[in-house]
N, C-alpha and C. Protein backbone atom coordinates (compact mmCIF):
# COMPACT_ATOMS: atom_id res chain seq x y z
N SER A 1 51.07 -31.91 102.50
CA SER A 1 51.43 -31.11 101.35
C SER A 1 51.52 -31.95 100.08
N ARG A 2 51.38 -33.28 100.24
CA ARG A 2 51.41 -34.19 99.11
C ARG A 2 52.89 -34.42 98.61
N ALA A 3 53.79 -33.86 99.35
CA ALA A 3 55.23 -34.05 98.96
C ALA A 3 55.85 -35.29 99.58
N TRP A 4 56.71 -35.96 98.90
CA TRP A 4 57.37 -37.14 99.49
C TRP A 4 58.39 -36.64 100.52
N VAL A 5 58.41 -37.32 101.68
CA VAL A 5 59.35 -36.93 102.77
C VAL A 5 60.06 -38.22 103.18
N PRO A 6 61.43 -38.17 103.17
CA PRO A 6 62.15 -39.37 103.63
C PRO A 6 61.99 -39.58 105.10
N ILE A 7 61.83 -40.80 105.48
CA ILE A 7 61.70 -41.12 106.96
C ILE A 7 62.96 -41.83 107.44
N GLN A 8 63.56 -41.26 108.45
CA GLN A 8 64.74 -41.92 109.05
C GLN A 8 64.25 -43.06 109.97
N PRO A 9 64.93 -44.18 109.95
CA PRO A 9 64.51 -45.26 110.77
C PRO A 9 64.76 -45.04 112.25
N GLU A 10 63.92 -45.68 113.09
CA GLU A 10 64.09 -45.66 114.53
C GLU A 10 64.55 -47.06 114.93
N SER A 11 65.23 -47.17 116.08
CA SER A 11 65.61 -48.45 116.59
C SER A 11 64.47 -49.08 117.34
N VAL A 12 64.28 -50.35 117.13
CA VAL A 12 63.27 -51.17 117.82
C VAL A 12 64.05 -52.26 118.56
N THR A 13 63.70 -52.52 119.79
CA THR A 13 64.30 -53.61 120.56
C THR A 13 63.30 -54.73 120.67
N PHE A 14 63.72 -55.91 120.35
CA PHE A 14 62.87 -57.08 120.42
C PHE A 14 63.22 -57.91 121.62
N LYS A 15 62.27 -58.42 122.37
CA LYS A 15 62.50 -59.23 123.51
C LYS A 15 61.51 -60.39 123.46
N ALA A 16 62.01 -61.58 123.69
CA ALA A 16 61.14 -62.76 123.69
C ALA A 16 60.31 -62.78 124.98
N GLY A 17 59.13 -63.27 124.85
CA GLY A 17 58.23 -63.37 125.99
C GLY A 17 57.48 -64.71 125.88
N GLY A 18 56.65 -65.02 126.90
CA GLY A 18 55.89 -66.22 126.81
C GLY A 18 56.62 -67.47 127.15
N ALA A 19 57.74 -67.41 127.86
CA ALA A 19 58.54 -68.60 128.22
C ALA A 19 57.66 -69.55 129.04
N ILE A 20 56.92 -69.06 129.99
CA ILE A 20 56.10 -69.97 130.80
C ILE A 20 55.06 -70.70 130.02
N LYS A 21 54.39 -69.95 129.10
CA LYS A 21 53.40 -70.57 128.18
C LYS A 21 54.12 -71.69 127.36
N ASN A 22 55.31 -71.41 126.85
CA ASN A 22 56.03 -72.38 126.06
C ASN A 22 56.36 -73.63 126.86
N ILE A 23 56.87 -73.45 128.05
CA ILE A 23 57.23 -74.57 128.90
C ILE A 23 56.04 -75.40 129.38
N ALA A 24 55.00 -74.63 129.82
CA ALA A 24 53.79 -75.31 130.36
C ALA A 24 53.04 -76.08 129.31
N SER A 25 53.21 -75.72 128.08
CA SER A 25 52.49 -76.46 126.99
C SER A 25 53.44 -77.55 126.34
N ALA A 26 54.49 -77.93 127.03
CA ALA A 26 55.43 -78.91 126.47
C ALA A 26 55.98 -78.42 125.17
N HIS A 27 56.23 -77.12 125.03
CA HIS A 27 56.84 -76.52 123.83
C HIS A 27 55.95 -76.59 122.59
N ILE A 28 54.61 -76.82 122.79
CA ILE A 28 53.70 -76.77 121.66
C ILE A 28 53.33 -75.35 121.33
N MET A 29 53.07 -74.56 122.40
CA MET A 29 52.74 -73.12 122.21
C MET A 29 54.06 -72.39 122.09
N LYS A 30 54.16 -71.52 121.11
CA LYS A 30 55.35 -70.70 120.96
C LYS A 30 55.21 -69.46 121.84
N GLY A 31 56.35 -68.83 122.19
CA GLY A 31 56.28 -67.54 122.95
C GLY A 31 56.05 -66.42 121.98
N ASP A 32 56.01 -65.23 122.57
CA ASP A 32 55.77 -64.01 121.82
C ASP A 32 57.10 -63.26 121.64
N LEU A 33 57.21 -62.48 120.59
CA LEU A 33 58.37 -61.62 120.36
C LEU A 33 57.79 -60.19 120.33
N ASN A 34 58.21 -59.44 121.30
CA ASN A 34 57.67 -58.07 121.49
C ASN A 34 58.67 -57.01 121.09
N GLY A 35 58.19 -55.99 120.38
CA GLY A 35 59.01 -54.90 119.93
C GLY A 35 58.72 -53.64 120.79
N SER A 36 59.70 -52.91 121.04
CA SER A 36 59.57 -51.65 121.83
C SER A 36 60.45 -50.54 121.24
N LEU A 37 59.83 -49.35 121.16
CA LEU A 37 60.54 -48.16 120.63
C LEU A 37 60.47 -47.08 121.71
N GLU A 38 61.53 -46.29 121.77
CA GLU A 38 61.59 -45.20 122.71
C GLU A 38 60.62 -44.09 122.32
N GLY A 39 60.00 -43.42 123.32
CA GLY A 39 59.19 -42.32 122.99
C GLY A 39 57.75 -42.65 122.74
N THR A 40 56.82 -41.75 122.99
CA THR A 40 55.42 -42.03 122.76
C THR A 40 54.86 -41.70 121.38
N GLN A 41 55.73 -41.04 120.61
CA GLN A 41 55.30 -40.59 119.24
C GLN A 41 56.46 -40.64 118.25
N SER A 42 56.14 -40.93 117.03
CA SER A 42 57.09 -40.82 115.97
C SER A 42 57.41 -39.36 115.73
N LYS A 43 58.58 -39.04 115.17
CA LYS A 43 59.01 -37.70 114.86
C LYS A 43 58.34 -37.23 113.55
N VAL A 44 57.60 -38.11 112.86
CA VAL A 44 57.03 -37.83 111.57
C VAL A 44 55.51 -37.75 111.72
N PRO A 45 54.92 -36.55 111.94
CA PRO A 45 53.47 -36.44 112.07
C PRO A 45 52.87 -36.42 110.65
N VAL A 46 51.72 -37.12 110.47
CA VAL A 46 51.00 -37.16 109.20
C VAL A 46 49.48 -37.16 109.45
N THR A 47 48.76 -36.88 108.40
CA THR A 47 47.30 -37.04 108.44
C THR A 47 46.92 -38.09 107.42
N LEU A 48 45.79 -38.72 107.66
CA LEU A 48 45.33 -39.81 106.76
C LEU A 48 44.60 -39.26 105.62
N PRO A 49 44.57 -39.94 104.48
CA PRO A 49 45.43 -41.16 104.20
C PRO A 49 46.85 -40.76 103.98
N VAL A 50 47.77 -41.69 104.29
CA VAL A 50 49.17 -41.48 104.06
C VAL A 50 49.75 -42.64 103.28
N THR A 51 50.63 -42.35 102.34
CA THR A 51 51.13 -43.41 101.47
C THR A 51 52.69 -43.48 101.74
N PHE A 52 53.13 -44.71 101.94
CA PHE A 52 54.57 -45.03 102.03
C PHE A 52 55.08 -45.48 100.69
N ALA A 53 56.18 -45.01 100.22
CA ALA A 53 56.86 -45.55 99.08
C ALA A 53 57.97 -46.44 99.56
N VAL A 54 57.90 -47.71 99.27
CA VAL A 54 58.92 -48.66 99.81
C VAL A 54 59.76 -49.18 98.60
N TYR A 55 61.02 -48.91 98.63
CA TYR A 55 61.94 -49.37 97.62
C TYR A 55 62.66 -50.60 98.19
N LEU A 56 62.44 -51.76 97.55
CA LEU A 56 62.96 -52.99 98.04
C LEU A 56 64.41 -53.22 97.66
N PRO A 57 65.15 -53.91 98.55
CA PRO A 57 66.49 -54.33 98.12
C PRO A 57 66.44 -55.40 97.07
N GLU A 58 67.42 -55.60 96.29
CA GLU A 58 67.53 -56.63 95.27
C GLU A 58 67.10 -57.96 95.88
N GLY A 59 66.13 -58.61 95.21
CA GLY A 59 65.65 -59.94 95.69
C GLY A 59 64.67 -59.90 96.81
N GLY A 60 64.27 -58.74 97.28
CA GLY A 60 63.28 -58.57 98.36
C GLY A 60 61.89 -58.71 97.86
N ALA A 61 60.95 -59.00 98.72
CA ALA A 61 59.52 -59.14 98.41
C ALA A 61 58.72 -58.29 99.36
N ILE A 62 57.71 -57.53 98.86
CA ILE A 62 56.89 -56.73 99.73
C ILE A 62 56.18 -57.48 100.77
N SER A 63 55.90 -58.74 100.55
CA SER A 63 55.20 -59.59 101.47
C SER A 63 56.01 -59.84 102.75
N GLN A 64 57.32 -59.50 102.71
CA GLN A 64 58.15 -59.70 103.86
C GLN A 64 58.08 -58.54 104.88
N TYR A 65 57.43 -57.43 104.44
CA TYR A 65 57.30 -56.25 105.25
C TYR A 65 56.05 -56.36 106.11
N GLN A 66 56.03 -55.74 107.31
CA GLN A 66 54.88 -55.68 108.15
C GLN A 66 54.49 -54.28 108.38
N LEU A 67 53.16 -53.98 108.26
CA LEU A 67 52.62 -52.73 108.68
C LEU A 67 52.06 -52.90 110.09
N LEU A 68 52.51 -52.14 111.04
CA LEU A 68 52.19 -52.40 112.47
C LEU A 68 51.51 -51.22 113.13
N ARG A 69 50.61 -51.40 114.05
CA ARG A 69 50.09 -50.41 114.89
C ARG A 69 50.67 -50.55 116.28
N PHE A 70 51.12 -49.45 116.90
CA PHE A 70 51.79 -49.53 118.15
C PHE A 70 50.80 -49.21 119.28
N HIS A 71 51.12 -49.72 120.48
CA HIS A 71 50.39 -49.33 121.74
C HIS A 71 51.38 -48.51 122.59
N THR A 72 50.89 -47.40 123.15
CA THR A 72 51.70 -46.57 124.01
C THR A 72 51.68 -47.19 125.43
N VAL A 73 52.78 -47.47 125.92
CA VAL A 73 52.95 -48.03 127.27
C VAL A 73 54.04 -47.21 127.99
N GLY A 74 53.61 -46.40 128.95
CA GLY A 74 54.58 -45.53 129.64
C GLY A 74 55.17 -44.55 128.65
N ASP A 75 56.47 -44.57 128.56
CA ASP A 75 57.12 -43.66 127.61
C ASP A 75 57.69 -44.39 126.41
N THR A 76 57.03 -45.52 126.03
CA THR A 76 57.46 -46.28 124.86
C THR A 76 56.22 -46.58 123.93
N ARG A 77 56.55 -47.03 122.76
CA ARG A 77 55.61 -47.61 121.86
C ARG A 77 55.93 -49.08 121.70
N GLN A 78 54.90 -49.91 121.77
CA GLN A 78 55.19 -51.38 121.78
C GLN A 78 54.25 -52.12 120.76
N PHE A 79 54.74 -53.27 120.33
CA PHE A 79 53.93 -54.11 119.46
C PHE A 79 54.37 -55.56 119.66
N ARG A 80 53.50 -56.47 119.29
CA ARG A 80 53.85 -57.89 119.32
C ARG A 80 54.07 -58.30 117.90
N SER A 81 55.26 -58.86 117.67
CA SER A 81 55.61 -59.24 116.26
C SER A 81 55.43 -60.70 116.02
N VAL A 82 55.35 -61.48 117.02
CA VAL A 82 54.97 -62.92 116.87
C VAL A 82 53.99 -63.26 117.90
N ASN A 83 52.80 -63.76 117.50
CA ASN A 83 51.78 -64.11 118.43
C ASN A 83 51.92 -65.59 118.81
N GLY A 84 52.08 -65.89 120.10
CA GLY A 84 52.27 -67.27 120.51
C GLY A 84 51.11 -68.18 120.06
N GLY A 85 51.49 -69.27 119.59
CA GLY A 85 50.52 -70.26 119.04
C GLY A 85 51.18 -71.52 118.68
N VAL A 86 50.48 -72.41 117.96
CA VAL A 86 51.12 -73.68 117.57
C VAL A 86 51.70 -73.62 116.21
N LEU A 87 51.65 -72.52 115.56
CA LEU A 87 52.27 -72.38 114.23
C LEU A 87 53.71 -72.02 114.32
N ASN A 88 54.42 -72.30 113.23
CA ASN A 88 55.82 -71.80 113.18
C ASN A 88 55.81 -70.34 113.01
N LYS A 89 56.93 -69.71 113.43
CA LYS A 89 57.00 -68.21 113.35
C LYS A 89 56.76 -67.73 111.92
N ALA A 90 57.27 -68.40 110.95
CA ALA A 90 57.16 -67.92 109.57
C ALA A 90 55.70 -67.80 109.12
N GLY A 91 54.83 -68.65 109.71
CA GLY A 91 53.49 -68.67 109.19
C GLY A 91 52.50 -67.96 110.15
N GLU A 92 53.01 -67.43 111.19
CA GLU A 92 52.06 -66.81 112.20
C GLU A 92 51.63 -65.43 111.88
N THR A 93 50.45 -65.11 112.30
CA THR A 93 49.94 -63.74 112.16
C THR A 93 50.32 -63.01 113.49
N THR A 94 50.30 -61.67 113.42
CA THR A 94 50.66 -60.94 114.59
C THR A 94 49.48 -60.11 115.04
N ARG A 95 49.41 -59.92 116.38
CA ARG A 95 48.29 -59.18 116.99
C ARG A 95 48.28 -57.75 116.44
N ASP A 96 49.38 -57.15 116.21
CA ASP A 96 49.42 -55.69 115.84
C ASP A 96 49.70 -55.48 114.36
N ALA A 97 49.70 -56.53 113.60
CA ALA A 97 49.91 -56.36 112.10
C ALA A 97 48.63 -55.96 111.43
N ILE A 98 48.76 -55.11 110.43
CA ILE A 98 47.62 -54.62 109.65
C ILE A 98 47.78 -55.12 108.28
N GLN A 99 46.77 -55.76 107.75
CA GLN A 99 46.82 -56.27 106.41
C GLN A 99 46.84 -55.09 105.46
N PHE A 100 47.66 -55.17 104.40
CA PHE A 100 47.73 -54.04 103.44
C PHE A 100 47.84 -54.58 102.05
N GLN A 101 47.42 -53.80 101.10
CA GLN A 101 47.60 -54.05 99.68
C GLN A 101 48.69 -53.11 99.20
N ALA A 102 49.69 -53.65 98.59
CA ALA A 102 50.84 -52.86 98.03
C ALA A 102 50.62 -52.70 96.51
N GLU A 103 50.78 -51.50 96.05
CA GLU A 103 50.69 -51.21 94.65
C GLU A 103 52.09 -51.15 94.03
N LYS A 104 52.31 -52.04 93.08
CA LYS A 104 53.63 -52.12 92.48
C LYS A 104 53.74 -51.00 91.42
N ILE A 105 54.77 -50.13 91.54
CA ILE A 105 55.01 -48.98 90.67
C ILE A 105 56.09 -49.29 89.67
N SER A 106 57.11 -50.07 90.12
CA SER A 106 58.21 -50.50 89.24
C SER A 106 58.72 -51.88 89.85
N PRO A 107 59.74 -52.49 89.24
CA PRO A 107 60.10 -53.76 89.74
C PRO A 107 60.49 -53.82 91.22
N ARG A 108 60.99 -52.75 91.82
CA ARG A 108 61.30 -52.80 93.23
C ARG A 108 60.67 -51.69 94.05
N LEU A 109 59.77 -50.97 93.49
CA LEU A 109 59.08 -49.85 94.17
C LEU A 109 57.59 -50.09 94.38
N TYR A 110 57.13 -50.03 95.65
CA TYR A 110 55.73 -50.32 96.00
C TYR A 110 55.22 -49.16 96.78
N LEU A 111 53.93 -48.97 96.73
CA LEU A 111 53.19 -47.99 97.57
C LEU A 111 52.28 -48.72 98.53
N ILE A 112 52.33 -48.31 99.82
CA ILE A 112 51.47 -48.84 100.87
C ILE A 112 50.71 -47.68 101.46
N THR A 113 49.38 -47.74 101.43
CA THR A 113 48.62 -46.63 102.00
C THR A 113 47.90 -46.99 103.29
N ILE A 114 48.00 -46.10 104.30
CA ILE A 114 47.24 -46.27 105.53
C ILE A 114 45.95 -45.42 105.31
N GLU A 115 44.81 -46.10 105.27
CA GLU A 115 43.58 -45.44 105.00
C GLU A 115 42.96 -44.77 106.23
N ARG A 116 42.04 -43.81 105.97
CA ARG A 116 41.37 -43.12 107.08
C ARG A 116 40.68 -44.01 108.10
N VAL A 117 40.19 -45.15 107.69
CA VAL A 117 39.44 -46.04 108.57
C VAL A 117 40.32 -46.55 109.76
N LEU A 118 41.65 -46.50 109.59
CA LEU A 118 42.51 -46.97 110.68
C LEU A 118 42.62 -45.99 111.76
N GLY A 119 42.45 -44.70 111.51
CA GLY A 119 42.37 -43.71 112.57
C GLY A 119 43.69 -43.23 113.11
N LYS A 120 43.62 -42.31 114.07
CA LYS A 120 44.76 -41.75 114.70
C LYS A 120 45.55 -42.86 115.44
N GLY A 121 46.86 -42.59 115.56
CA GLY A 121 47.67 -43.54 116.31
C GLY A 121 49.12 -43.56 115.76
N GLU A 122 49.85 -44.55 116.27
CA GLU A 122 51.28 -44.67 115.93
C GLU A 122 51.41 -45.89 115.03
N TYR A 123 52.06 -45.75 113.90
CA TYR A 123 52.24 -46.87 112.96
C TYR A 123 53.67 -47.01 112.48
N GLY A 124 53.99 -48.18 112.00
CA GLY A 124 55.37 -48.36 111.52
C GLY A 124 55.44 -49.42 110.46
N ILE A 125 56.46 -49.35 109.58
CA ILE A 125 56.72 -50.40 108.67
C ILE A 125 58.03 -51.08 108.99
N LEU A 126 57.93 -52.38 109.24
CA LEU A 126 59.03 -53.19 109.69
C LEU A 126 59.57 -53.98 108.53
N PRO A 127 60.79 -53.69 108.10
CA PRO A 127 61.43 -54.42 106.99
C PRO A 127 61.65 -55.89 107.39
N PRO A 128 61.94 -56.68 106.38
CA PRO A 128 62.13 -58.17 106.68
C PRO A 128 63.37 -58.50 107.43
N ALA A 129 63.53 -59.73 107.60
CA ALA A 129 64.42 -60.38 108.59
C ALA A 129 65.90 -60.10 108.51
N GLU A 130 66.48 -59.47 107.55
CA GLU A 130 67.92 -59.40 107.49
C GLU A 130 68.53 -59.14 108.85
N THR A 131 68.19 -58.07 109.52
CA THR A 131 68.61 -57.83 110.87
C THR A 131 67.43 -57.77 111.81
N ASN A 132 66.25 -57.91 111.26
CA ASN A 132 65.04 -57.77 112.08
C ASN A 132 64.53 -59.02 112.76
N ALA A 133 64.93 -60.17 112.25
CA ALA A 133 64.43 -61.41 112.83
C ALA A 133 65.40 -61.86 113.86
N PRO A 134 65.07 -61.61 115.14
CA PRO A 134 66.03 -62.01 116.17
C PRO A 134 66.35 -63.47 116.15
N ASN A 135 67.58 -63.81 116.41
CA ASN A 135 68.02 -65.20 116.42
C ASN A 135 67.61 -65.90 117.77
N SER A 136 67.23 -65.09 118.72
CA SER A 136 66.89 -65.73 119.98
C SER A 136 65.49 -66.23 119.91
N GLY A 137 65.30 -67.52 120.22
CA GLY A 137 64.00 -68.16 120.16
C GLY A 137 63.13 -67.65 121.28
N ALA A 138 61.80 -67.88 121.18
CA ALA A 138 60.89 -67.48 122.27
C ALA A 138 61.27 -68.31 123.50
N GLY A 139 61.19 -67.57 124.64
CA GLY A 139 61.50 -68.24 125.85
C GLY A 139 62.91 -67.92 126.33
N THR A 140 63.66 -67.19 125.52
CA THR A 140 64.92 -66.76 126.01
C THR A 140 64.86 -65.29 126.44
N SER A 141 65.89 -64.82 127.18
CA SER A 141 65.80 -63.44 127.63
C SER A 141 66.63 -62.52 126.78
N LYS A 142 67.22 -63.00 125.71
CA LYS A 142 68.05 -62.16 124.84
C LYS A 142 67.23 -61.09 124.19
N GLU A 143 67.84 -59.95 123.97
CA GLU A 143 67.25 -58.85 123.26
C GLU A 143 68.08 -58.61 121.98
N THR A 144 67.36 -58.17 120.92
CA THR A 144 68.05 -57.81 119.71
C THR A 144 67.43 -56.48 119.20
N THR A 145 68.13 -55.74 118.39
CA THR A 145 67.64 -54.56 117.86
C THR A 145 67.51 -54.57 116.36
N ALA A 146 66.68 -53.71 115.82
CA ALA A 146 66.46 -53.58 114.36
C ALA A 146 66.03 -52.20 114.04
N LYS A 147 65.72 -51.97 112.80
CA LYS A 147 65.21 -50.62 112.30
C LYS A 147 63.76 -50.75 111.92
N ILE A 148 63.04 -49.66 112.14
CA ILE A 148 61.60 -49.60 111.72
C ILE A 148 61.35 -48.15 111.32
N TYR A 149 60.43 -48.01 110.38
CA TYR A 149 60.08 -46.63 109.84
C TYR A 149 58.69 -46.33 110.39
N THR A 150 58.60 -45.17 111.14
CA THR A 150 57.34 -44.85 111.83
C THR A 150 56.74 -43.53 111.46
N VAL A 151 55.43 -43.41 111.72
CA VAL A 151 54.69 -42.19 111.56
C VAL A 151 53.71 -42.04 112.70
N SER A 152 53.38 -40.82 113.08
CA SER A 152 52.34 -40.49 114.09
C SER A 152 51.16 -39.89 113.32
N VAL A 153 50.03 -40.64 113.28
CA VAL A 153 48.86 -40.14 112.58
C VAL A 153 48.11 -39.26 113.54
N THR A 154 48.06 -37.97 113.18
CA THR A 154 47.42 -36.99 114.09
C THR A 154 46.01 -36.60 113.64
N GLY A 155 45.62 -37.01 112.47
CA GLY A 155 44.27 -36.64 112.02
C GLY A 155 44.00 -37.21 110.69
């Protein structure tokens, strides 16, 4: 309808993985940090293209946000937020991250568009580290939770 619709956040649980890879490589290879959301679909169905309006907190940067595509596994949606490798977490790319161009509308308001070329599926925008960057390093079994904003692209 081209009307703006507020999206309520969903909880995402992060769990570290790749401990064996980390140990076997003498801690050169980092582990993975995997996110999981309950349910196979977002409660917000949309058709492409869809545009998110992201209002940043004071001092925030749009480059701190991630646009992610989820994989349905059983009755959950999952994604990898840190891809194991020799880089530090801050500089790593993620398997499920989608590069995006944000259009600045005002000092703290940006637009992010999911284009038709990305196709049907489950997508989310993950805000930056305030509560989203788990303190548990890769290779630990600790879980942490955060908030993510999701949509289900149906067409």
